[in-house]
Amino acid sequence: MKDSFRVFGLMTIGAVLLAGCATGQGGLTEREAGAVLGAGLGAGTGAIIGHQTGHAGAGTAIGAGAGALAGALVGEAQRRQKQAITREMRQEIAQQRYQAQYGAQPYGVQVQPRQEVHTKYNPRTGQTFPGGYKFDPNTGEELKYLR
């Protein structure tokens, strides 16, 4: 039992040290953070189960590996969900800007639609956009002025 707690303690300290190194812009991704958390929880659970069966060290190692894998999968799912939400928001904002230009006009008033002047472009795709756009609504990349 004493060995299992020692192994669990060392793994927990290692996880905390790795997480402590992840600061600023180069921090852990959702996948990596999930793997660290899953490994810690899995090691603890494995140590408890392994102690009951008489193989605490093996239970800790197996639990840590399984927990790291499960945590990484959950973290990756969170990253993809966040990415999908960001993409939907960009599309919604682009659609709202487009609809605001061509909104409903009062009855009887003849208004000519505004001519769009394409003054910005995406250097990677070459697609042009009106001057009011700052980012490409499809890719989120910053637009540059035409010269």
C-alpha atoms as a PDB file:
ATOM      1  CA  MET A   1       0.000   0.000   0.000  1.00  0.00           C
ATOM      2  CA  LYS A   2       2.847   2.344   0.804  1.00  0.00           C
ATOM      3  CA  ASP A   3       4.329   1.850  -2.691  1.00  0.00           C
ATOM      4  CA  SER A   4       1.036   2.624  -4.409  1.00  0.00           C
ATOM      5  CA  PHE A   5       0.718   5.929  -2.589  1.00  0.00           C
ATOM      6  CA  ARG A   6       4.324   6.758  -3.408  1.00  0.00           C
ATOM      7  CA  VAL A   7       3.734   6.055  -7.111  1.00  0.00           C
ATOM      8  CA  PHE A   8       0.479   8.004  -7.051  1.00  0.00           C
ATOM      9  CA  GLY A   9       2.182  10.905  -5.288  1.00  0.00           C
ATOM     10  CA  LEU A  10       5.029  10.995  -7.785  1.00  0.00           C
ATOM     11  CA  MET A  11       2.618  10.926 -10.731  1.00  0.00           C
ATOM     12  CA  THR A  12       0.530  13.694  -9.197  1.00  0.00           C
ATOM     13  CA  ILE A  13       3.595  15.852  -8.562  1.00  0.00           C
ATOM     14  CA  GLY A  14       4.749  15.234 -12.147  1.00  0.00           C
ATOM     15  CA  ALA A  15       1.340  16.245 -13.522  1.00  0.00           C
ATOM     16  CA  VAL A  16       1.299  19.421 -11.426  1.00  0.00           C
ATOM     17  CA  LEU A  17       4.809  20.317 -12.559  1.00  0.00           C
ATOM     18  CA  LEU A  18       3.892  19.801 -16.208  1.00  0.00           C
ATOM     19  CA  ALA A  19       0.735  21.860 -15.826  1.00  0.00           C
ATOM     20  CA  GLY A  20       2.702  24.589 -14.018  1.00  0.00           C
ATOM     21  CA  CYS A  21       5.074  24.898 -16.961  1.00  0.00           C
ATOM     22  CA  ALA A  22       2.186  25.718 -19.288  1.00  0.00           C
ATOM     23  CA  THR A  23       1.708  29.480 -18.968  1.00  0.00           C
ATOM     24  CA  GLY A  24       1.118  32.305 -21.406  1.00  0.00           C
ATOM     25  CA  GLN A  25       0.420  31.795 -25.107  1.00  0.00           C
ATOM     26  CA  GLY A  26       2.287  28.496 -25.285  1.00  0.00           C
ATOM     27  CA  GLY A  27       0.016  26.843 -22.684  1.00  0.00           C
ATOM     28  CA  LEU A  28      -1.522  23.417 -22.790  1.00  0.00           C
ATOM     29  CA  THR A  29      -4.122  22.729 -25.427  1.00  0.00           C
ATOM     30  CA  GLU A  30      -7.484  21.285 -24.452  1.00  0.00           C
ATOM     31  CA  ARG A  31      -6.241  17.843 -25.490  1.00  0.00           C
ATOM     32  CA  GLU A  32      -3.073  18.067 -23.381  1.00  0.00           C
ATOM     33  CA  ALA A  33      -4.891  19.452 -20.342  1.00  0.00           C
ATOM     34  CA  GLY A  34      -7.454  16.661 -20.607  1.00  0.00           C
ATOM     35  CA  ALA A  35      -4.687  14.071 -20.821  1.00  0.00           C
ATOM     36  CA  VAL A  36      -2.942  15.421 -17.704  1.00  0.00           C
ATOM     37  CA  LEU A  37      -6.184  15.553 -15.718  1.00  0.00           C
ATOM     38  CA  GLY A  38      -7.257  12.116 -16.957  1.00  0.00           C
ATOM     39  CA  ALA A  39      -3.884  10.605 -16.104  1.00  0.00           C
ATOM     40  CA  GLY A  40      -4.078  11.935 -12.558  1.00  0.00           C
ATOM     41  CA  LEU A  41      -7.630  10.722 -12.002  1.00  0.00           C
ATOM     42  CA  GLY A  42      -6.896   7.390 -13.679  1.00  0.00           C
ATOM     43  CA  ALA A  43      -3.763   6.846 -11.598  1.00  0.00           C
ATOM     44  CA  GLY A  44      -5.688   7.499  -8.397  1.00  0.00           C
ATOM     45  CA  THR A  45      -8.529   5.208  -9.371  1.00  0.00           C
ATOM     46  CA  GLY A  46      -6.094   2.541 -10.587  1.00  0.00           C
ATOM     47  CA  ALA A  47      -4.137   2.722  -7.324  1.00  0.00           C
ATOM     48  CA  ILE A  48      -7.290   2.202  -5.291  1.00  0.00           C
ATOM     49  CA  ILE A  49      -8.498  -0.703  -7.425  1.00  0.00           C
ATOM     50  CA  GLY A  50      -5.001  -2.170  -7.652  1.00  0.00           C
ATOM     51  CA  HIS A  51      -4.607  -2.029  -3.876  1.00  0.00           C
ATOM     52  CA  GLN A  52      -7.809  -4.037  -3.455  1.00  0.00           C
ATOM     53  CA  THR A  53      -6.522  -6.751  -5.792  1.00  0.00           C
ATOM     54  CA  GLY A  54      -2.958  -6.710  -4.443  1.00  0.00           C
ATOM     55  CA  HIS A  55      -1.331  -5.051  -7.496  1.00  0.00           C
ATOM     56  CA  ALA A  56      -1.295  -1.358  -6.664  1.00  0.00           C
ATOM     57  CA  GLY A  57       1.638  -0.442  -8.919  1.00  0.00           C
ATOM     58  CA  ALA A  58       0.165  -2.138 -11.973  1.00  0.00           C
ATOM     59  CA  GLY A  59      -3.257  -0.656 -11.262  1.00  0.00           C
ATOM     60  CA  THR A  60      -1.752   2.821 -11.016  1.00  0.00           C
ATOM     61  CA  ALA A  61       0.126   2.455 -14.291  1.00  0.00           C
ATOM     62  CA  ILE A  62      -2.861   1.039 -16.173  1.00  0.00           C
ATOM     63  CA  GLY A  63      -5.202   3.646 -14.692  1.00  0.00           C
ATOM     64  CA  ALA A  64      -2.850   6.485 -15.608  1.00  0.00           C
ATOM     65  CA  GLY A  65      -2.567   5.304 -19.221  1.00  0.00           C
ATOM     66  CA  ALA A  66      -6.288   4.743 -19.644  1.00  0.00           C
ATOM     67  CA  GLY A  67      -7.086   8.052 -17.940  1.00  0.00           C
ATOM     68  CA  ALA A  68      -4.637   9.944 -20.147  1.00  0.00           C
ATOM     69  CA  LEU A  69      -6.209   8.467 -23.279  1.00  0.00           C
ATOM     70  CA  ALA A  70      -9.755   9.199 -22.130  1.00  0.00           C
ATOM     71  CA  GLY A  71      -8.821  12.721 -21.021  1.00  0.00           C
ATOM     72  CA  ALA A  72      -7.125  13.454 -24.343  1.00  0.00           C
ATOM     73  CA  LEU A  73     -10.228  12.313 -26.231  1.00  0.00           C
ATOM     74  CA  VAL A  74     -12.493  14.514 -24.117  1.00  0.00           C
ATOM     75  CA  GLY A  75     -10.123  17.485 -24.522  1.00  0.00           C
ATOM     76  CA  GLU A  76     -10.037  17.046 -28.305  1.00  0.00           C
ATOM     77  CA  ALA A  77     -13.839  16.938 -28.412  1.00  0.00           C
ATOM     78  CA  GLN A  78     -13.942  20.210 -26.458  1.00  0.00           C
ATOM     79  CA  ARG A  79     -11.458  21.817 -28.861  1.00  0.00           C
ATOM     80  CA  ARG A  80     -13.509  20.789 -31.882  1.00  0.00           C
ATOM     81  CA  GLN A  81     -16.729  22.023 -30.303  1.00  0.00           C
ATOM     82  CA  LYS A  82     -15.144  25.406 -29.534  1.00  0.00           C
ATOM     83  CA  GLN A  83     -13.853  25.617 -33.117  1.00  0.00           C
ATOM     84  CA  ALA A  84     -17.307  24.822 -34.545  1.00  0.00           C
ATOM     85  CA  ILE A  85     -18.960  27.468 -32.373  1.00  0.00           C
ATOM     86  CA  THR A  86     -16.396  30.068 -33.469  1.00  0.00           C
ATOM     87  CA  ARG A  87     -17.004  29.202 -37.133  1.00  0.00           C
ATOM     88  CA  GLU A  88     -20.799  29.496 -36.667  1.00  0.00           C
ATOM     89  CA  MET A  89     -20.415  32.879 -34.978  1.00  0.00           C
ATOM     90  CA  ARG A  90     -18.260  34.212 -37.821  1.00  0.00           C
ATOM     91  CA  GLN A  91     -20.805  33.057 -40.393  1.00  0.00           C
ATOM     92  CA  GLU A  92     -23.649  34.651 -38.424  1.00  0.00           C
ATOM     93  CA  ILE A  93     -21.797  37.977 -38.160  1.00  0.00           C
ATOM     94  CA  ALA A  94     -21.022  37.954 -41.886  1.00  0.00           C
ATOM     95  CA  GLN A  95     -24.664  37.211 -42.698  1.00  0.00           C
ATOM     96  CA  GLN A  96     -25.883  40.032 -40.437  1.00  0.00           C
ATOM     97  CA  ARG A  97     -23.514  42.519 -42.087  1.00  0.00           C
ATOM     98  CA  TYR A  98     -24.705  41.485 -45.521  1.00  0.00           C
ATOM     99  CA  GLN A  99     -28.394  41.772 -44.559  1.00  0.00           C
ATOM    100  CA  ALA A 100     -27.855  45.212 -43.014  1.00  0.00           C
ATOM    101  CA  GLN A 101     -26.660  46.547 -46.386  1.00  0.00           C
ATOM    102  CA  TYR A 102     -29.772  45.313 -48.185  1.00  0.00           C
ATOM    103  CA  GLY A 103     -32.457  45.794 -45.517  1.00  0.00           C
ATOM    104  CA  ALA A 104     -36.140  46.517 -46.208  1.00  0.00           C
ATOM    105  CA  GLN A 105     -36.923  49.992 -47.579  1.00  0.00           C
ATOM    106  CA  PRO A 106     -40.085  52.052 -46.899  1.00  0.00           C
ATOM    107  CA  TYR A 107     -42.912  51.564 -49.395  1.00  0.00           C
ATOM    108  CA  GLY A 108     -42.777  53.830 -52.420  1.00  0.00           C
ATOM    109  CA  VAL A 109     -39.160  54.859 -52.016  1.00  0.00           C
ATOM    110  CA  GLN A 110     -36.924  53.853 -54.880  1.00  0.00           C
ATOM    111  CA  VAL A 111     -33.446  53.287 -53.514  1.00  0.00           C
ATOM    112  CA  GLN A 112     -30.661  52.027 -55.684  1.00  0.00           C
ATOM    113  CA  PRO A 113     -28.583  49.309 -54.064  1.00  0.00           C
ATOM    114  CA  ARG A 114     -25.167  50.456 -52.988  1.00  0.00           C
ATOM    115  CA  GLN A 115     -22.341  49.529 -55.253  1.00  0.00           C
ATOM    116  CA  GLU A 116     -19.852  47.468 -53.345  1.00  0.00           C
ATOM    117  CA  VAL A 117     -16.275  48.460 -53.867  1.00  0.00           C
ATOM    118  CA  HIS A 118     -13.946  45.552 -53.278  1.00  0.00           C
ATOM    119  CA  THR A 119     -10.994  47.182 -51.594  1.00  0.00           C
ATOM    120  CA  LYS A 120      -9.693  44.349 -49.410  1.00  0.00           C
ATOM    121  CA  TYR A 121      -8.567  40.842 -50.200  1.00  0.00           C
ATOM    122  CA  ASN A 122      -7.393  37.642 -48.563  1.00  0.00           C
ATOM    123  CA  PRO A 123      -3.755  37.128 -49.609  1.00  0.00           C
ATOM    124  CA  ARG A 124      -4.001  33.351 -49.258  1.00  0.00           C
ATOM    125  CA  THR A 125      -7.235  32.775 -51.223  1.00  0.00           C
ATOM    126  CA  GLY A 126      -7.237  35.906 -53.413  1.00  0.00           C
ATOM    127  CA  GLN A 127     -10.928  36.525 -52.664  1.00  0.00           C
ATOM    128  CA  THR A 128     -11.978  40.207 -52.475  1.00  0.00           C
ATOM    129  CA  PHE A 129     -14.297  41.820 -49.932  1.00  0.00           C
ATOM    130  CA  PRO A 130     -15.896  45.240 -49.278  1.00  0.00           C
ATOM    131  CA  GLY A 131     -13.816  47.787 -47.413  1.00  0.00           C
ATOM    132  CA  GLY A 132     -15.833  47.368 -44.200  1.00  0.00           C
ATOM    133  CA  TYR A 133     -14.587  43.837 -43.639  1.00  0.00           C
ATOM    134  CA  LYS A 134     -11.575  43.352 -41.411  1.00  0.00           C
ATOM    135  CA  PHE A 135     -11.459  39.530 -41.454  1.00  0.00           C
ATOM    136  CA  ASP A 136     -12.389  36.914 -44.053  1.00  0.00           C
ATOM    137  CA  PRO A 137     -15.758  35.531 -42.853  1.00  0.00           C
ATOM    138  CA  ASN A 138     -14.925  32.072 -44.198  1.00  0.00           C
ATOM    139  CA  THR A 139     -11.435  31.561 -42.787  1.00  0.00           C
ATOM    140  CA  GLY A 140     -11.104  34.271 -40.146  1.00  0.00           C
ATOM    141  CA  GLU A 141      -7.845  35.527 -41.657  1.00  0.00           C
ATOM    142  CA  GLU A 142      -7.054  39.237 -41.596  1.00  0.00           C
ATOM    143  CA  LEU A 143      -7.733  41.001 -44.891  1.00  0.00           C
ATOM    144  CA  LYS A 144      -5.236  43.302 -46.623  1.00  0.00           C
ATOM    145  CA  TYR A 145      -5.905  46.450 -48.665  1.00  0.00           C
ATOM    146  CA  LEU A 146      -5.635  46.246 -52.455  1.00  0.00           C
ATOM    147  CA  ARG A 147      -2.806  48.315 -53.900  1.00  0.00           C
END
